[in-house]
C-alpha atoms as a PDB file:
ATOM      1  CA  UNK A   1      -4.508 -23.694  25.335  1.00  0.00           C
ATOM      2  CA  UNK A   2      -4.416 -25.061  21.782  1.00  0.00           C
ATOM      3  CA  UNK A   3      -1.629 -24.381  19.298  1.00  0.00           C
ATOM      4  CA  UNK A   4      -3.765 -22.023  17.198  1.00  0.00           C
ATOM      5  CA  UNK A   5      -4.463 -19.790  20.228  1.00  0.00           C
ATOM      6  CA  UNK A   6      -0.797 -19.745  21.197  1.00  0.00           C
ATOM      7  CA  UNK A   7       0.269 -18.635  17.712  1.00  0.00           C
ATOM      8  CA  UNK A   8      -2.254 -15.809  17.849  1.00  0.00           C
ATOM      9  CA  UNK A   9      -0.793 -14.636  21.146  1.00  0.00           C
ATOM     10  CA  UNK A  10       2.793 -14.879  19.864  1.00  0.00           C
ATOM     11  CA  UNK A  11       1.925 -12.784  16.816  1.00  0.00           C
ATOM     12  CA  UNK A  12       0.064 -10.215  18.895  1.00  0.00           C
ATOM     13  CA  UNK A  13       2.943  -9.904  21.355  1.00  0.00           C
ATOM     14  CA  UNK A  14       5.602  -9.399  18.679  1.00  0.00           C
ATOM     15  CA  UNK A  15       3.549  -6.891  16.695  1.00  0.00           C
ATOM     16  CA  UNK A  16       2.536  -4.931  19.784  1.00  0.00           C
ATOM     17  CA  UNK A  17       6.069  -4.556  21.159  1.00  0.00           C
ATOM     18  CA  UNK A  18       7.387  -3.751  17.688  1.00  0.00           C
ATOM     19  CA  UNK A  19       4.705  -1.082  17.155  1.00  0.00           C
ATOM     20  CA  UNK A  20       5.361   0.692  20.464  1.00  0.00           C
ATOM     21  CA  UNK A  21       9.139   0.035  20.376  1.00  0.00           C
ATOM     22  CA  UNK A  22       9.339  -0.464  24.166  1.00  0.00           C
ATOM     23  CA  UNK A  23       6.718  -1.463  26.752  1.00  0.00           C
ATOM     24  CA  UNK A  24       6.729  -2.480  30.392  1.00  0.00           C
ATOM     25  CA  UNK A  25       4.873  -5.625  31.382  1.00  0.00           C
ATOM     26  CA  UNK A  26       2.088  -3.538  32.924  1.00  0.00           C
ATOM     27  CA  UNK A  27       1.766  -1.541  29.675  1.00  0.00           C
ATOM     28  CA  UNK A  28       1.669  -4.767  27.694  1.00  0.00           C
ATOM     29  CA  UNK A  29      -1.098  -6.011  29.973  1.00  0.00           C
ATOM     30  CA  UNK A  30      -3.137  -2.841  29.518  1.00  0.00           C
ATOM     31  CA  UNK A  31      -3.111  -3.408  25.771  1.00  0.00           C
ATOM     32  CA  UNK A  32      -3.589  -7.146  26.168  1.00  0.00           C
ATOM     33  CA  UNK A  33      -6.777  -6.755  28.226  1.00  0.00           C
ATOM     34  CA  UNK A  34      -8.301  -4.686  25.432  1.00  0.00           C
ATOM     35  CA  UNK A  35      -8.165  -7.701  23.090  1.00  0.00           C
ATOM     36  CA  UNK A  36     -10.791 -10.444  22.761  1.00  0.00           C
ATOM     37  CA  UNK A  37      -8.057 -13.045  23.353  1.00  0.00           C
ATOM     38  CA  UNK A  38      -7.563 -11.936  26.962  1.00  0.00           C
ATOM     39  CA  UNK A  39     -11.224 -12.342  27.968  1.00  0.00           C
ATOM     40  CA  UNK A  40     -10.534  -9.437  30.310  1.00  0.00           C
ATOM     41  CA  UNK A  41      -7.794 -11.284  32.194  1.00  0.00           C
ATOM     42  CA  UNK A  42      -4.165 -10.074  32.467  1.00  0.00           C
ATOM     43  CA  UNK A  43      -1.343 -12.098  30.973  1.00  0.00           C
ATOM     44  CA  UNK A  44       0.454 -13.871  33.779  1.00  0.00           C
ATOM     45  CA  UNK A  45       4.142 -13.110  34.163  1.00  0.00           C
ATOM     46  CA  UNK A  46       4.994 -16.818  33.731  1.00  0.00           C
ATOM     47  CA  UNK A  47       2.921 -16.942  30.512  1.00  0.00           C
ATOM     48  CA  UNK A  48       4.697 -13.846  29.199  1.00  0.00           C
ATOM     49  CA  UNK A  49       8.112 -15.390  29.810  1.00  0.00           C
ATOM     50  CA  UNK A  50       7.067 -18.705  28.220  1.00  0.00           C
ATOM     51  CA  UNK A  51       5.862 -16.757  25.172  1.00  0.00           C
ATOM     52  CA  UNK A  52       9.191 -14.909  24.993  1.00  0.00           C
ATOM     53  CA  UNK A  53      11.107 -18.195  24.894  1.00  0.00           C
ATOM     54  CA  UNK A  54       8.751 -19.745  22.331  1.00  0.00           C
ATOM     55  CA  UNK A  55       8.982 -16.683  20.077  1.00  0.00           C
ATOM     56  CA  UNK A  56      12.775 -16.836  20.165  1.00  0.00           C
ATOM     57  CA  UNK A  57      12.822 -20.581  19.435  1.00  0.00           C
ATOM     58  CA  UNK A  58      10.263 -20.472  16.612  1.00  0.00           C
ATOM     59  CA  UNK A  59      10.943 -17.148  14.929  1.00  0.00           C
ATOM     60  CA  UNK A  60      14.422 -16.123  16.065  1.00  0.00           C
ATOM     61  CA  UNK A  61      12.978 -12.861  17.456  1.00  0.00           C
ATOM     62  CA  UNK A  62      14.602 -11.746  20.698  1.00  0.00           C
ATOM     63  CA  UNK A  63      12.426  -9.828  23.187  1.00  0.00           C
ATOM     64  CA  UNK A  64      14.835  -8.269  25.688  1.00  0.00           C
ATOM     65  CA  UNK A  65      14.343  -6.205  28.850  1.00  0.00           C
ATOM     66  CA  UNK A  66      15.918  -2.749  29.163  1.00  0.00           C
ATOM     67  CA  UNK A  67      16.402  -2.423  32.922  1.00  0.00           C
ATOM     68  CA  UNK A  68      17.800   1.090  32.528  1.00  0.00           C
ATOM     69  CA  UNK A  69      14.554   2.199  30.884  1.00  0.00           C
ATOM     70  CA  UNK A  70      12.043   1.162  33.505  1.00  0.00           C
ATOM     71  CA  UNK A  71      12.228  -2.576  32.759  1.00  0.00           C
ATOM     72  CA  UNK A  72      10.695  -2.071  29.336  1.00  0.00           C
ATOM     73  CA  UNK A  73      10.674  -4.856  26.791  1.00  0.00           C
ATOM     74  CA  UNK A  74      11.834  -4.307  23.220  1.00  0.00           C
ATOM     75  CA  UNK A  75      12.768  -6.382  20.177  1.00  0.00           C
ATOM     76  CA  UNK A  76      16.559  -6.556  20.272  1.00  0.00           C
ATOM     77  CA  UNK A  77      16.942  -7.695  16.639  1.00  0.00           C
ATOM     78  CA  UNK A  78      14.137  -5.605  15.110  1.00  0.00           C
ATOM     79  CA  UNK A  79      15.925  -5.590  11.753  1.00  0.00           C
ATOM     80  CA  UNK A  80      14.600  -9.122  11.097  1.00  0.00           C
ATOM     81  CA  UNK A  81      11.093  -7.669  10.880  1.00  0.00           C
ATOM     82  CA  UNK A  82      12.022  -5.555   7.889  1.00  0.00           C
ATOM     83  CA  UNK A  83      12.445  -6.658   4.283  1.00  0.00           C
ATOM     84  CA  UNK A  84      12.516 -10.185   2.856  1.00  0.00           C
ATOM     85  CA  UNK A  85      13.462 -12.047   6.019  1.00  0.00           C
ATOM     86  CA  UNK A  86      12.119 -15.437   7.095  1.00  0.00           C
ATOM     87  CA  UNK A  87      10.796 -13.907  10.319  1.00  0.00           C
ATOM     88  CA  UNK A  88       8.879 -11.185   8.498  1.00  0.00           C
ATOM     89  CA  UNK A  89       7.460 -13.668   6.006  1.00  0.00           C
ATOM     90  CA  UNK A  90       6.414 -16.131   8.712  1.00  0.00           C
ATOM     91  CA  UNK A  91       4.696 -13.484  10.832  1.00  0.00           C
ATOM     92  CA  UNK A  92       2.906 -11.993   7.840  1.00  0.00           C
ATOM     93  CA  UNK A  93       1.766 -15.424   6.653  1.00  0.00           C
ATOM     94  CA  UNK A  94       0.560 -16.466  10.097  1.00  0.00           C
ATOM     95  CA  UNK A  95      -1.195 -13.135  10.619  1.00  0.00           C
ATOM     96  CA  UNK A  96      -3.083 -13.495   7.358  1.00  0.00           C
ATOM     97  CA  UNK A  97      -3.846 -17.113   8.215  1.00  0.00           C
ATOM     98  CA  UNK A  98      -5.316 -16.047  11.544  1.00  0.00           C
ATOM     99  CA  UNK A  99      -7.485 -13.394   9.922  1.00  0.00           C
ATOM    100  CA  UNK A 100      -8.747 -15.826   7.287  1.00  0.00           C
ATOM    101  CA  UNK A 101      -9.408 -18.481   9.927  1.00  0.00           C
ATOM    102  CA  UNK A 102     -11.441 -16.051  12.010  1.00  0.00           C
ATOM    103  CA  UNK A 103     -13.430 -14.761   9.038  1.00  0.00           C
ATOM    104  CA  UNK A 104     -16.034 -17.498   9.025  1.00  0.00           C
ATOM    105  CA  UNK A 105     -18.550 -17.060   6.233  1.00  0.00           C
ATOM    106  CA  UNK A 106     -16.103 -14.894   4.252  1.00  0.00           C
ATOM    107  CA  UNK A 107     -14.001 -17.652   2.669  1.00  0.00           C
ATOM    108  CA  UNK A 108     -15.712 -17.286  -0.691  1.00  0.00           C
ATOM    109  CA  UNK A 109     -14.651 -13.619  -0.708  1.00  0.00           C
ATOM    110  CA  UNK A 110     -11.000 -14.142   0.245  1.00  0.00           C
ATOM    111  CA  UNK A 111      -9.045 -15.380  -2.769  1.00  0.00           C
ATOM    112  CA  UNK A 112      -5.478 -16.677  -2.462  1.00  0.00           C
ATOM    113  CA  UNK A 113      -2.743 -17.698  -4.894  1.00  0.00           C
ATOM    114  CA  UNK A 114      -1.517 -21.274  -5.046  1.00  0.00           C
ATOM    115  CA  UNK A 115       2.222 -21.642  -4.435  1.00  0.00           C
ATOM    116  CA  UNK A 116       3.521 -25.081  -5.514  1.00  0.00           C
ATOM    117  CA  UNK A 117       5.842 -26.599  -2.925  1.00  0.00           C
ATOM    118  CA  UNK A 118       6.001 -30.210  -4.070  1.00  0.00           C
ATOM    119  CA  UNK A 119       3.985 -31.438  -1.096  1.00  0.00           C
ATOM    120  CA  UNK A 120       6.284 -32.815   1.607  1.00  0.00           C
ATOM    121  CA  UNK A 121       9.409 -32.345  -0.522  1.00  0.00           C
ATOM    122  CA  UNK A 122      10.068 -28.883   0.888  1.00  0.00           C
ATOM    123  CA  UNK A 123       9.804 -30.233   4.444  1.00  0.00           C
ATOM    124  CA  UNK A 124      12.245 -33.042   3.647  1.00  0.00           C
ATOM    125  CA  UNK A 125      14.828 -30.614   2.311  1.00  0.00           C
ATOM    126  CA  UNK A 126      14.505 -28.297   5.320  1.00  0.00           C
ATOM    127  CA  UNK A 127      14.996 -31.278   7.636  1.00  0.00           C
ATOM    128  CA  UNK A 128      18.103 -32.256   5.644  1.00  0.00           C
ATOM    129  CA  UNK A 129      19.407 -28.685   5.920  1.00  0.00           C
ATOM    130  CA  UNK A 130      18.936 -28.727   9.693  1.00  0.00           C
ATOM    131  CA  UNK A 131      20.982 -31.934  10.052  1.00  0.00           C
ATOM    132  CA  UNK A 132      23.487 -31.262   7.222  1.00  0.00           C
ATOM    133  CA  UNK A 133      22.534 -34.339   5.220  1.00  0.00           C
ATOM    134  CA  UNK A 134      23.046 -34.776   1.499  1.00  0.00           C
ATOM    135  CA  UNK A 135      19.869 -35.159  -0.568  1.00  0.00           C
ATOM    136  CA  UNK A 136      19.266 -37.075  -3.767  1.00  0.00           C
ATOM    137  CA  UNK A 137      16.623 -35.477  -5.984  1.00  0.00           C
ATOM    138  CA  UNK A 138      14.794 -36.857  -9.005  1.00  0.00           C
ATOM    139  CA  UNK A 139      14.222 -33.957 -11.370  1.00  0.00           C
ATOM    140  CA  UNK A 140      12.733 -33.302 -14.788  1.00  0.00           C
ATOM    141  CA  UNK A 141      13.645 -30.057 -16.494  1.00  0.00           C
ATOM    142  CA  UNK A 142      11.175 -28.383 -18.820  1.00  0.00           C
ATOM    143  CA  UNK A 143      11.383 -29.982 -22.260  1.00  0.00           C
ATOM    144  CA  UNK A 144      13.324 -33.023 -21.014  1.00  0.00           C
ATOM    145  CA  UNK A 145      12.027 -36.480 -21.913  1.00  0.00           C
ATOM    146  CA  UNK A 146      13.461 -38.258 -18.892  1.00  0.00           C
ATOM    147  CA  UNK A 147      14.090 -37.648 -15.204  1.00  0.00           C
ATOM    148  CA  UNK A 148      17.603 -37.128 -13.898  1.00  0.00           C
ATOM    149  CA  UNK A 149      19.006 -37.732 -10.452  1.00  0.00           C
ATOM    150  CA  UNK A 150      21.278 -35.268  -8.671  1.00  0.00           C
ATOM    151  CA  UNK A 151      23.175 -35.642  -5.419  1.00  0.00           C
ATOM    152  CA  UNK A 152      23.256 -32.277  -3.656  1.00  0.00           C
ATOM    153  CA  UNK A 153      24.340 -30.550  -0.500  1.00  0.00           C
ATOM    154  CA  UNK A 154      21.242 -28.446   0.306  1.00  0.00           C
ATOM    155  CA  UNK A 155      22.472 -24.908   1.058  1.00  0.00           C
ATOM    156  CA  UNK A 156      19.246 -22.895   1.057  1.00  0.00           C
ATOM    157  CA  UNK A 157      15.685 -22.640  -0.222  1.00  0.00           C
ATOM    158  CA  UNK A 158      14.247 -19.508  -1.801  1.00  0.00           C
ATOM    159  CA  UNK A 159      10.712 -18.389  -2.584  1.00  0.00           C
ATOM    160  CA  UNK A 160      10.526 -16.341  -5.771  1.00  0.00           C
ATOM    161  CA  UNK A 161       7.619 -15.439  -8.028  1.00  0.00           C
ATOM    162  CA  UNK A 162       5.254 -17.964  -6.381  1.00  0.00           C
ATOM    163  CA  UNK A 163       7.701 -20.868  -6.673  1.00  0.00           C
ATOM    164  CA  UNK A 164      10.028 -22.554  -4.180  1.00  0.00           C
ATOM    165  CA  UNK A 165      13.596 -23.276  -5.274  1.00  0.00           C
ATOM    166  CA  UNK A 166      16.463 -25.292  -3.801  1.00  0.00           C
ATOM    167  CA  UNK A 167      20.041 -24.053  -4.100  1.00  0.00           C
ATOM    168  CA  UNK A 168      22.278 -27.098  -3.880  1.00  0.00           C
ATOM    169  CA  UNK A 169      25.985 -27.727  -4.218  1.00  0.00           C
ATOM    170  CA  UNK A 170      26.768 -30.767  -6.358  1.00  0.00           C
ATOM    171  CA  UNK A 171      28.548 -33.431  -4.336  1.00  0.00           C
ATOM    172  CA  UNK A 172      30.909 -34.224  -7.203  1.00  0.00           C
ATOM    173  CA  UNK A 173      32.014 -30.621  -7.856  1.00  0.00           C
ATOM    174  CA  UNK A 174      32.209 -27.135  -6.342  1.00  0.00           C
ATOM    175  CA  UNK A 175      29.383 -25.858  -8.543  1.00  0.00           C
ATOM    176  CA  UNK A 176      25.897 -24.865  -7.440  1.00  0.00           C
ATOM    177  CA  UNK A 177      22.556 -25.609  -9.101  1.00  0.00           C
ATOM    178  CA  UNK A 178      19.081 -24.166  -8.650  1.00  0.00           C
ATOM    179  CA  UNK A 179      16.070 -26.505  -8.774  1.00  0.00           C
ATOM    180  CA  UNK A 180      12.337 -25.735  -8.699  1.00  0.00           C
ATOM    181  CA  UNK A 181      10.399 -27.896  -6.247  1.00  0.00           C
ATOM    182  CA  UNK A 182       7.468 -28.322  -8.619  1.00  0.00           C
ATOM    183  CA  UNK A 183       9.817 -30.041 -11.110  1.00  0.00           C
ATOM    184  CA  UNK A 184      10.986 -32.583  -8.506  1.00  0.00           C
ATOM    185  CA  UNK A 185       9.342 -35.993  -8.454  1.00  0.00           C
ATOM    186  CA  UNK A 186      11.175 -37.369  -5.423  1.00  0.00           C
ATOM    187  CA  UNK A 187      13.712 -36.435  -2.732  1.00  0.00           C
ATOM    188  CA  UNK A 188      15.692 -38.867  -0.609  1.00  0.00           C
ATOM    189  CA  UNK A 189      17.663 -37.796   2.430  1.00  0.00           C
ATOM    190  CA  UNK A 190      20.930 -39.739   2.352  1.00  0.00           C
ATOM    191  CA  UNK A 191      22.920 -40.963   5.322  1.00  0.00           C
ATOM    192  CA  UNK A 192      25.949 -39.009   4.107  1.00  0.00           C
ATOM    193  CA  UNK A 193      26.549 -35.734   5.905  1.00  0.00           C
ATOM    194  CA  UNK A 194      28.303 -32.642   4.574  1.00  0.00           C
ATOM    195  CA  UNK A 195      30.042 -29.600   6.006  1.00  0.00           C
ATOM    196  CA  UNK A 196      28.625 -26.341   4.755  1.00  0.00           C
ATOM    197  CA  UNK A 197      31.090 -23.685   3.612  1.00  0.00           C
ATOM    198  CA  UNK A 198      31.455 -21.425   6.662  1.00  0.00           C
ATOM    199  CA  UNK A 199      31.774 -18.357   4.428  1.00  0.00           C
ATOM    200  CA  UNK A 200      28.531 -19.007   2.567  1.00  0.00           C
ATOM    201  CA  UNK A 201      25.723 -16.508   3.121  1.00  0.00           C
ATOM    202  CA  UNK A 202      22.467 -17.038   1.216  1.00  0.00           C
ATOM    203  CA  UNK A 203      21.537 -13.341   1.129  1.00  0.00           C
ATOM    204  CA  UNK A 204      24.966 -12.412  -0.214  1.00  0.00           C
ATOM    205  CA  UNK A 205      24.822 -15.189  -2.809  1.00  0.00           C
ATOM    206  CA  UNK A 206      21.656 -13.745  -4.373  1.00  0.00           C
ATOM    207  CA  UNK A 207      22.431 -10.118  -3.550  1.00  0.00           C
ATOM    208  CA  UNK A 208      23.202  -8.981  -7.110  1.00  0.00           C
ATOM    209  CA  UNK A 209      20.508 -11.080  -8.778  1.00  0.00           C
ATOM    210  CA  UNK A 210      16.965 -10.126  -9.658  1.00  0.00           C
ATOM    211  CA  UNK A 211      15.543 -13.510  -8.741  1.00  0.00           C
ATOM    212  CA  UNK A 212      16.984 -17.011  -8.757  1.00  0.00           C
ATOM    213  CA  UNK A 213      19.318 -16.781 -11.768  1.00  0.00           C
ATOM    214  CA  UNK A 214      22.887 -16.283 -10.533  1.00  0.00           C
ATOM    215  CA  UNK A 215      25.547 -15.782 -13.182  1.00  0.00           C
ATOM    216  CA  UNK A 216      28.856 -15.094 -11.486  1.00  0.00           C
ATOM    217  CA  UNK A 217      30.520 -14.387 -14.819  1.00  0.00           C
ATOM    218  CA  UNK A 218      28.320 -11.274 -15.141  1.00  0.00           C
ATOM    219  CA  UNK A 219      29.274  -8.136 -13.250  1.00  0.00           C
ATOM    220  CA  UNK A 220      26.537  -6.030 -11.643  1.00  0.00           C
ATOM    221  CA  UNK A 221      25.609  -3.050 -13.821  1.00  0.00           C
ATOM    222  CA  UNK A 222      23.867   0.235 -13.227  1.00  0.00           C
ATOM    223  CA  UNK A 223      20.416   0.244 -14.820  1.00  0.00           C
ATOM    224  CA  UNK A 224      18.149   3.285 -15.064  1.00  0.00           C
ATOM    225  CA  UNK A 225      14.458   2.577 -15.593  1.00  0.00           C
ATOM    226  CA  UNK A 226      12.015   5.362 -16.463  1.00  0.00           C
ATOM    227  CA  UNK A 227       8.523   4.565 -15.198  1.00  0.00           C
ATOM    228  CA  UNK A 228       5.417   6.263 -16.563  1.00  0.00           C
ATOM    229  CA  UNK A 229       1.934   6.716 -15.136  1.00  0.00           C
ATOM    230  CA  UNK A 230       0.885   4.389 -12.326  1.00  0.00           C
ATOM    231  CA  UNK A 231       4.038   2.275 -12.736  1.00  0.00           C
ATOM    232  CA  UNK A 232       5.910   4.977 -10.826  1.00  0.00           C
ATOM    233  CA  UNK A 233       3.841   4.236  -7.732  1.00  0.00           C
ATOM    234  CA  UNK A 234       4.077   0.473  -8.128  1.00  0.00           C
ATOM    235  CA  UNK A 235       7.872   0.696  -8.353  1.00  0.00           C
ATOM    236  CA  UNK A 236       7.997   2.777  -5.186  1.00  0.00           C
ATOM    237  CA  UNK A 237       5.817   0.353  -3.258  1.00  0.00           C
ATOM    238  CA  UNK A 238       7.221  -2.855  -4.786  1.00  0.00           C
ATOM    239  CA  UNK A 239      10.829  -2.216  -5.878  1.00  0.00           C
ATOM    240  CA  UNK A 240      12.199  -4.424  -8.642  1.00  0.00           C
ATOM    241  CA  UNK A 241      15.375  -5.000  -6.584  1.00  0.00           C
ATOM    242  CA  UNK A 242      16.666  -4.096  -3.130  1.00  0.00           C
ATOM    243  CA  UNK A 243      19.276  -1.755  -4.697  1.00  0.00           C
ATOM    244  CA  UNK A 244      16.581   0.398  -6.293  1.00  0.00           C
ATOM    245  CA  UNK A 245      16.587   4.115  -5.530  1.00  0.00           C
ATOM    246  CA  UNK A 246      14.740   7.067  -6.980  1.00  0.00           C
ATOM    247  CA  UNK A 247      16.760   9.514  -9.078  1.00  0.00           C
ATOM    248  CA  UNK A 248      14.370  12.095 -10.473  1.00  0.00           C
ATOM    249  CA  UNK A 249      10.651  12.669 -10.875  1.00  0.00           C
ATOM    250  CA  UNK A 250       8.429  14.823 -13.100  1.00  0.00           C
ATOM    251  CA  UNK A 251       4.697  15.025 -13.683  1.00  0.00           C
ATOM    252  CA  UNK A 252       5.100  12.481 -16.486  1.00  0.00           C
ATOM    253  CA  UNK A 253       7.668   9.963 -15.240  1.00  0.00           C
ATOM    254  CA  UNK A 254      10.088   8.897 -12.499  1.00  0.00           C
ATOM    255  CA  UNK A 255      13.602   7.561 -13.019  1.00  0.00           C
ATOM    256  CA  UNK A 256      14.850   4.701 -10.837  1.00  0.00           C
ATOM    257  CA  UNK A 257      18.388   3.342 -10.547  1.00  0.00           C
ATOM    258  CA  UNK A 258      19.183  -0.318  -9.873  1.00  0.00           C
ATOM    259  CA  UNK A 259      22.513  -2.116  -9.614  1.00  0.00           C
ATOM    260  CA  UNK A 260      22.361  -5.826 -10.435  1.00  0.00           C
ATOM    261  CA  UNK A 261      23.336  -8.549 -12.880  1.00  0.00           C
ATOM    262  CA  UNK A 262      21.330  -8.247 -16.089  1.00  0.00           C
ATOM    263  CA  UNK A 263      20.035 -11.811 -16.330  1.00  0.00           C
ATOM    264  CA  UNK A 264      17.226 -13.222 -18.464  1.00  0.00           C
ATOM    265  CA  UNK A 265      14.720 -13.279 -15.602  1.00  0.00           C
ATOM    266  CA  UNK A 266      15.340  -9.557 -15.046  1.00  0.00           C
ATOM    267  CA  UNK A 267      14.914  -8.865 -18.765  1.00  0.00           C
ATOM    268  CA  UNK A 268      11.632 -10.801 -18.688  1.00  0.00           C
ATOM    269  CA  UNK A 269      10.457  -8.593 -15.830  1.00  0.00           C
ATOM    270  CA  UNK A 270      11.253  -5.462 -17.838  1.00  0.00           C
ATOM    271  CA  UNK A 271       9.572  -6.887 -20.922  1.00  0.00           C
ATOM    272  CA  UNK A 272       6.397  -7.631 -18.951  1.00  0.00           C
ATOM    273  CA  UNK A 273       5.964  -3.940 -18.099  1.00  0.00           C
ATOM    274  CA  UNK A 274       5.580  -3.062 -21.791  1.00  0.00           C
ATOM    275  CA  UNK A 275       4.963   0.599 -22.552  1.00  0.00           C
ATOM    276  CA  UNK A 276       4.869   1.502 -18.856  1.00  0.00           C
ATOM    277  CA  UNK A 277       8.670   1.726 -18.692  1.00  0.00           C
ATOM    278  CA  UNK A 278      11.657   2.793 -20.783  1.00  0.00           C
ATOM    279  CA  UNK A 279      15.248   1.669 -20.287  1.00  0.00           C
ATOM    280  CA  UNK A 280      17.420   4.790 -20.154  1.00  0.00           C
ATOM    281  CA  UNK A 281      20.700   2.964 -19.602  1.00  0.00           C
ATOM    282  CA  UNK A 282      22.638   0.938 -20.484  1.00  0.00           C
ATOM    283  CA  UNK A 283      21.844   1.334 -24.151  1.00  0.00           C
ATOM    284  CA  UNK A 284      22.747  -2.291 -24.866  1.00  0.00           C
ATOM    285  CA  UNK A 285      19.950  -3.430 -22.561  1.00  0.00           C
ATOM    286  CA  UNK A 286      17.521  -0.938 -24.131  1.00  0.00           C
ATOM    287  CA  UNK A 287      18.379  -2.301 -27.589  1.00  0.00           C
ATOM    288  CA  UNK A 288      17.838  -5.875 -26.447  1.00  0.00           C
ATOM    289  CA  UNK A 289      14.423  -5.096 -24.944  1.00  0.00           C
ATOM    290  CA  UNK A 290      13.441  -3.361 -28.188  1.00  0.00           C
ATOM    291  CA  UNK A 291      14.423  -6.488 -30.153  1.00  0.00           C
ATOM    292  CA  UNK A 292      12.394  -8.677 -27.817  1.00  0.00           C
ATOM    293  CA  UNK A 293       9.360  -6.442 -28.369  1.00  0.00           C
ATOM    294  CA  UNK A 294       9.870  -6.580 -32.150  1.00  0.00           C
ATOM    295  CA  UNK A 295      10.087 -10.379 -32.064  1.00  0.00           C
ATOM    296  CA  UNK A 296       6.891 -10.490 -29.998  1.00  0.00           C
ATOM    297  CA  UNK A 297       5.108  -8.402 -32.647  1.00  0.00           C
ATOM    298  CA  UNK A 298       6.311 -10.813 -35.339  1.00  0.00           C
ATOM    299  CA  UNK A 299       4.442 -13.601 -33.581  1.00  0.00           C
ATOM    300  CA  UNK A 300       1.252 -11.835 -34.590  1.00  0.00           C
ATOM    301  CA  UNK A 301       2.397 -11.419 -38.227  1.00  0.00           C
ATOM    302  CA  UNK A 302       2.096  -7.637 -37.966  1.00  0.00           C
END
């Protein structure tokens, strides 16, 4: 069996068990034989167990057996299939990839977005993260005339707004820096190894941020955004931030509350929604967004 076929089976198995919550092997086989992949043949017990091990190794998804419930299999850590987790992203990406690959003759009707990753640079950093090696990056910031080199302890990578970023700790200080992969011209994995701070958690580090801008000198604030028209539905389906919750709704608008650091990338997000939203609080943020809109109008000499 080729790798492509195996991935299809892994994805099917995870999604099927997750959908039904718990299934015995015979129940899994009933569903399996209804698919084109099975060619009418049951999945052998040895194949099922090999798939379980591969799924755990590749995706970190644990398929366990509940012997007290008729030997039914379930996903023990199902929480990783919700939200912005690596497992959820990988499965979604592979699922879409499978569908696109099988849709021969439809490629001209399936349009995708390009996400710059700097070629093999992302792979080099991930390898360095796995082995705890320091990396040396050659980087050119926007507007800079020359490249600069930075020696970093690679702590995590983050995908945000169609761009990959590296969060690295400078080897000569305790400070962190964030670097876009599409601004890197080279990455070298050094022989020097580092010990990652055992208390560091990537999700916690970015928890109070909108995107990739982390300003620890800013305290998280309560923000109330009033969304009008169709923006109400977009905000429900695609929240601005994980802290978002709905406060009140009328026929005209819906109010949403968020708690986060008010950084420039968050302000840019609010500005991009134009007349579709209104900042209810804090007033200082509302005033700043108004000024940004006024300055934008001045660009047109109006």
